Protein backbone atom coordinates (compact mmCIF):
# COMPACT_ATOMS: atom_id res chain seq x y z
CA MET A 1 58.64 92.96 103.28
CA PRO A 2 56.83 96.15 104.59
CA ASP A 3 59.24 98.83 105.77
CA ASP A 4 57.79 98.65 109.34
CA GLU A 5 58.87 94.97 109.39
CA ARG A 6 62.45 95.42 108.22
CA LYS A 7 64.84 94.94 111.19
CA VAL A 8 67.70 97.25 110.05
CA GLY A 9 70.80 96.93 112.25
CA PRO A 10 72.60 93.65 112.25
CA THR A 11 74.84 92.67 109.35
CA TYR A 12 72.89 90.26 106.82
CA ARG A 13 75.45 90.04 104.20
CA VAL A 14 79.13 90.71 103.86
CA PHE A 15 81.34 91.21 100.80
CA ALA A 16 85.14 91.57 101.33
CA GLN A 17 87.08 92.85 98.29
CA ASP A 18 90.67 91.79 99.21
CA LEU A 19 93.09 93.34 96.57
CA TYR A 20 96.50 91.50 96.16
CA ALA A 21 99.84 92.92 97.09
CA THR A 22 101.51 90.87 94.33
CA ASP A 23 100.82 89.06 91.11
CA LEU A 24 101.48 85.63 92.63
CA HIS A 25 97.96 84.32 93.28
CA GLY A 26 96.04 81.36 91.97
CA ASP A 27 93.66 83.02 89.80
CA GLU A 28 96.29 84.31 87.39
CA LEU A 29 99.05 81.75 87.87
CA GLY A 30 99.60 79.54 84.62
CA VAL A 31 100.33 80.28 80.86
CA ARG A 32 96.97 79.51 79.69
CA GLN A 33 95.00 80.93 82.59
CA ALA A 34 94.17 84.29 80.92
CA GLU A 35 92.88 82.35 77.75
CA MET A 36 90.72 80.32 79.91
CA TRP A 37 89.16 83.35 81.57
CA ARG A 38 88.52 84.96 78.13
CA ALA A 39 86.92 81.84 76.85
CA LYS A 40 84.63 82.01 79.74
CA SER A 41 83.34 85.60 79.20
CA ARG A 42 84.11 88.16 76.51
CA GLN A 43 84.03 90.70 79.34
CA TYR A 44 87.49 89.47 80.21
CA SER A 45 89.45 91.72 77.96
CA ARG A 46 93.12 91.10 76.86
CA ASP A 47 94.10 93.89 78.85
CA ALA A 48 92.58 92.44 82.02
CA GLU A 49 94.77 91.88 85.20
CA ILE A 50 93.28 90.11 88.08
CA ILE A 51 93.93 92.24 91.32
CA GLY A 52 91.83 90.81 93.96
CA LYS A 53 89.46 88.23 95.15
CA ILE A 54 85.76 88.59 96.59
CA GLU A 55 84.79 86.78 99.61
CA GLU A 56 81.29 86.61 100.92
CA ALA A 57 79.08 85.52 103.72
CA GLN A 58 75.25 85.89 104.12
CA ARG A 59 72.66 84.91 106.79
CA SER A 60 68.88 84.77 106.27
CA HIS A 61 67.60 85.91 109.83
CA HIS A 62 68.94 88.33 112.42
CA LYS A 63 68.99 85.58 114.88
CA GLU A 64 71.38 83.32 112.87
CA ASP A 65 74.97 83.55 112.99
CA LEU A 66 76.94 85.16 110.18
CA PRO A 67 78.90 82.31 108.48
CA ASN A 68 82.40 82.43 107.51
CA LEU A 69 83.39 84.34 104.56
CA GLU A 70 83.98 81.95 101.41
CA LYS A 71 85.59 83.16 97.92
CA THR A 72 82.99 83.67 95.35
CA GLY A 73 84.79 85.59 92.81
CA PHE A 74 87.68 87.78 91.66
CA ILE A 75 88.50 91.46 90.33
CA ILE A 76 90.22 92.69 87.44
CA ILE A 77 91.43 95.99 86.12
CA ARG A 78 91.71 96.97 82.47
CA ASN A 79 95.44 97.73 82.57
CA SER A 80 95.85 99.65 79.23
CA LEU A 81 93.26 102.21 80.52
CA TRP A 82 94.73 102.60 83.87
CA ASN A 83 98.47 102.65 82.77
CA PRO A 84 98.46 104.57 79.43
CA ASP A 85 101.57 106.57 78.15
CA ASP A 86 100.32 109.76 79.52
CA PRO A 87 99.21 109.59 83.06
CA LEU A 88 96.51 112.26 82.68
CA ASP A 89 94.83 109.87 80.42
CA LYS A 90 94.06 107.24 83.17
CA ARG A 91 90.78 105.90 83.30
CA LEU A 92 89.52 103.49 85.85
CA VAL A 93 87.59 100.50 84.66
CA ILE A 94 87.27 97.47 87.06
CA LYS A 95 85.17 94.24 86.73
CA LEU A 96 83.69 91.67 89.03
CA PHE A 97 83.70 87.93 88.05
CA SER A 98 82.54 84.54 89.69
CA ASN A 99 84.67 81.99 90.76
CA LYS A 100 83.78 80.29 87.42
CA GLY A 101 84.64 83.24 85.25
CA GLY A 102 81.01 84.69 84.61
CA TRP A 103 80.90 88.62 84.56
CA ILE A 104 79.07 90.04 87.49
CA ALA A 105 79.58 93.88 87.23
CA THR A 106 81.83 96.70 85.85
CA LEU A 107 82.65 100.17 87.18
CA GLU A 108 83.78 102.75 84.63
CA GLU A 109 85.20 106.23 85.45
CA MET A 110 83.24 109.03 83.72
CA VAL A 111 86.09 111.36 82.91
CA GLY A 112 83.89 114.11 81.22
CA GLU A 113 81.63 114.45 84.22
CA GLU A 114 84.78 114.57 86.58
CA TYR A 115 86.29 117.50 84.62
CA THR A 116 83.06 119.29 84.36
CA PHE A 117 81.87 119.04 87.90
CA SER A 118 85.46 119.65 89.37
CA TYR A 119 85.65 122.68 87.25
CA THR A 120 82.40 123.95 88.55
CA SER A 121 82.83 123.02 92.23
CA GLY A 122 86.72 124.16 92.36
CA LEU A 123 87.31 120.60 93.98
CA PRO A 124 88.32 117.51 92.38
CA ILE A 125 85.05 115.47 91.87
CA THR A 126 84.99 111.77 90.93
CA SER A 127 82.16 110.25 89.09
CA PHE A 128 81.52 106.57 87.92
CA CYS A 129 78.90 104.32 86.52
CA VAL A 130 78.07 100.79 87.39
CA ILE A 131 76.78 98.29 85.14
CA THR A 132 75.56 94.95 86.55
CA LYS A 133 74.33 91.61 85.15
CA GLU A 134 71.05 91.76 87.21
CA SER A 135 69.78 95.17 85.44
CA GLU A 136 69.78 96.69 81.96
CA ILE A 137 69.92 99.94 83.66
CA ILE A 138 73.06 102.05 84.08
CA THR A 139 73.53 103.39 87.71
CA TYR A 140 75.66 106.59 88.15
CA VAL A 141 77.50 107.21 91.29
CA ARG A 142 78.42 110.76 91.76
CA GLN A 143 80.58 112.54 94.29
CA LEU A 144 78.96 115.57 95.97
CA TYR A 145 80.05 117.85 98.91
CA ARG A 146 77.33 118.27 101.55
CA GLY A 147 77.10 121.06 104.26
CA SER A 148 79.33 123.96 105.21
CA LEU A 149 82.01 121.50 106.47
CA GLY A 150 82.23 120.09 102.93
CA MET A 151 81.65 116.44 103.89
CA GLU A 152 82.37 114.14 101.19
CA ASN A 153 79.36 112.18 99.92
CA PHE A 154 78.35 110.10 97.00
CA ALA A 155 74.93 109.78 95.74
CA PHE A 156 72.99 107.00 93.51
CA TYR A 157 69.57 105.64 93.17
CA ILE A 158 68.03 102.31 91.86
CA LEU A 159 64.63 101.78 90.21
CA GLY A 160 61.99 99.55 92.22
CA PRO A 161 58.52 98.23 90.95
CA GLU A 162 56.21 100.44 88.86
CA ASN A 163 58.94 103.07 88.20
CA THR A 164 59.54 103.90 91.90
CA PHE A 165 62.98 104.40 92.91
CA GLU A 166 65.26 104.33 96.16
CA SER A 167 67.80 106.89 96.76
CA PHE A 168 71.01 106.45 98.71
CA ARG A 169 73.84 108.53 100.06
CA ILE A 170 77.30 107.11 100.70
CA GLU A 171 78.66 109.49 103.57
CA ARG A 172 82.21 109.33 104.71
CA LYS A 173 82.53 108.74 108.40
CA ARG A 174 83.61 111.72 110.13
CA VAL A 175 85.67 109.99 112.88
CA SER A 176 87.64 107.31 111.17
CA ALA A 177 91.25 106.25 110.95
CA GLY A 178 90.58 104.87 107.51
CA THR A 179 88.61 105.48 104.22
CA ASP A 180 85.19 104.23 105.81
CA TYR A 181 81.60 105.10 104.80
CA ASN A 182 78.16 104.86 105.87
CA VAL A 183 75.27 104.25 103.33
CA LEU A 184 72.09 105.85 104.14
CA ARG A 185 68.66 105.26 102.60
CA LEU A 186 66.39 108.15 102.03
CA ASN A 187 63.34 106.55 102.93
CA GLY A 188 63.67 106.51 106.94
CA GLY A 189 67.29 108.18 106.96
CA LEU A 190 68.56 104.89 108.33
CA LYS A 191 72.01 103.53 107.77
CA VAL A 192 71.49 100.45 105.65
CA ALA A 193 75.08 99.51 104.90
CA GLU A 194 78.77 100.58 105.68
CA ILE A 195 82.05 100.22 103.97
CA ASP A 196 85.34 99.66 105.92
CA SER A 197 88.96 99.94 104.63
CA LYS A 198 91.36 97.60 106.22
CA LEU A 199 94.38 99.53 107.40
CA GLY A 200 97.84 97.82 107.28
CA ASP A 201 96.96 95.60 104.19
CA ILE A 202 99.45 96.44 101.50
CA GLY A 203 97.03 95.54 98.75
CA GLY A 204 93.86 96.83 100.41
CA GLU A 205 90.77 95.13 101.90
CA PHE A 206 87.43 96.85 101.59
CA VAL A 207 84.55 95.24 103.41
CA VAL A 208 80.94 95.93 102.49
CA LYS A 209 78.35 94.99 105.35
CA ILE A 210 74.73 95.00 104.49
CA GLN A 211 72.54 95.84 107.29
CA ASP A 212 69.07 95.90 105.61
CA PRO A 213 67.47 92.50 105.20
CA VAL A 214 65.70 93.43 101.85
CA LEU A 215 68.75 95.24 100.27
CA ALA A 216 70.88 92.18 101.25
CA GLU A 217 68.95 90.09 98.81
CA ASN A 218 68.95 93.01 96.14
CA GLU A 219 71.92 92.06 94.00
CA TRP A 220 71.85 95.26 92.02
CA PHE A 221 72.38 97.30 95.17
CA CYS A 222 75.15 95.01 96.60
CA ARG A 223 77.07 95.08 93.22
CA ILE A 224 77.11 98.96 93.32
CA LEU A 225 78.61 98.89 96.77
CA GLN A 226 81.10 96.42 95.86
CA CYS A 227 82.28 98.31 92.81
CA PHE A 228 82.38 101.49 94.82
CA ALA A 229 84.42 99.73 97.64
CA VAL A 230 87.30 98.52 95.04
CA MET A 231 87.30 101.96 93.46
CA LEU A 232 88.51 103.40 97.12
CA ARG A 233 91.70 101.92 96.24
CA PHE A 234 92.27 104.14 93.38
CA ARG A 235 90.45 107.24 94.58
CA ASP A 236 93.41 109.45 95.64
CA GLN A 237 95.05 108.68 92.28
CA ILE A 238 91.94 109.68 90.31
CA LYS A 239 91.64 112.83 92.30
CA SER A 240 95.29 113.87 91.80
CA LYS A 241 94.94 113.16 88.18
CA ILE A 242 91.83 115.39 87.85
CA ASP A 243 93.65 118.22 89.79
CA SER A 244 96.66 118.07 87.71
CA GLY A 245 94.84 117.86 84.39
CA LEU A 246 92.43 120.75 85.19
CA LYS A 247 95.42 122.96 85.73
CA LYS A 248 97.03 121.90 82.58
CA TRP A 249 93.88 122.17 80.54
CA ALA A 250 93.28 125.84 81.82
CA LYS A 251 96.96 126.66 80.50
CA GLY A 252 96.40 125.00 77.27
CA LYS A 253 98.95 122.22 77.94
CA HIS A 254 96.55 119.25 77.92
CA VAL A 255 93.25 118.54 76.28
CA PRO A 256 91.28 115.46 77.90
CA GLN A 257 89.51 113.21 75.50
CA LEU A 258 86.84 110.61 76.04
CA HIS A 259 87.59 107.12 75.42
CA ARG A 260 85.06 105.81 72.76
CA TYR A 261 83.70 103.39 75.34
CA GLU A 262 82.81 106.19 77.65
CA ALA A 263 81.30 108.28 74.73
CA SER A 264 79.22 105.32 73.87
CA LEU A 265 77.46 105.54 77.58
CA LEU A 266 76.04 108.91 76.41
CA ALA A 267 74.01 107.63 73.71
CA ASN A 268 70.31 108.28 73.74
CA PRO A 269 68.69 105.35 75.71
CA ARG A 270 65.17 106.39 74.63
CA LYS A 271 65.80 104.84 71.20
CA LEU A 272 66.18 101.49 72.98
CA THR A 273 63.48 101.77 75.73
CA LEU A 274 60.62 103.51 74.14
CA ARG A 275 58.18 102.76 71.36
CA MET A 276 58.42 104.74 68.21
CA ASP A 277 55.20 106.65 68.84
CA GLU A 278 56.34 107.50 72.52
CA PHE A 279 59.70 108.54 71.08
CA GLU A 280 58.07 111.13 68.81
CA GLU A 281 56.21 112.71 71.88
CA VAL A 282 59.18 113.26 74.31
């Protein structure tokens, strides 16, 4: 669809990430439930804990009514990484699954980047990567501060056809009672989505509203925002960990280490994506 035909504004697709307040929910009840999910997907690790459900609604045209939300999946956290013996070793890894247990997407905290960027900026900076089933490309979502007022922003981009790409900014709303964000597309500078946190919910509910008809059909884009929305539940704990870790590291009282799975994300991707003759030229 050409840009001049895209009617940006109404909500075309909604994802609600509803995090549970307790462990008493249907996805995890039963002695053999965890074994069943592991049989469905190897992405469901032994330390997985189901922490919420995904609900979704979508319409195909701006003149249609948005249907009611329906449960389409669930969310897990890797408990051993989030609750290690030393709180400074926390690392957030969350995963999205379909109702049938199929893996959809993963968000992983990039601890090395967080400490490096935080040390450089003088403020706790969060950084993540998102891996989705729709793409072999890893997407990095990095926090930035923009302008003299130090407004909190996050940035990411996704690839398009013929090596084009789309750039996006996730900008915290200036006037908001909760942790709410607008998502802006560089081309045109329009708001294409928003993320709203629901106050008063003990577990936390984070709703993504896609307001661009093309991006509403782009599963890669939608999964990135879903993962980002879930991360907001843990954001303050991550920033507190970084702040404390930096101070102790500077005094020689703590030396952070990368988990080997995070280190594997730093591997040279050109070995996998370029021909041998191209690899020798770069």
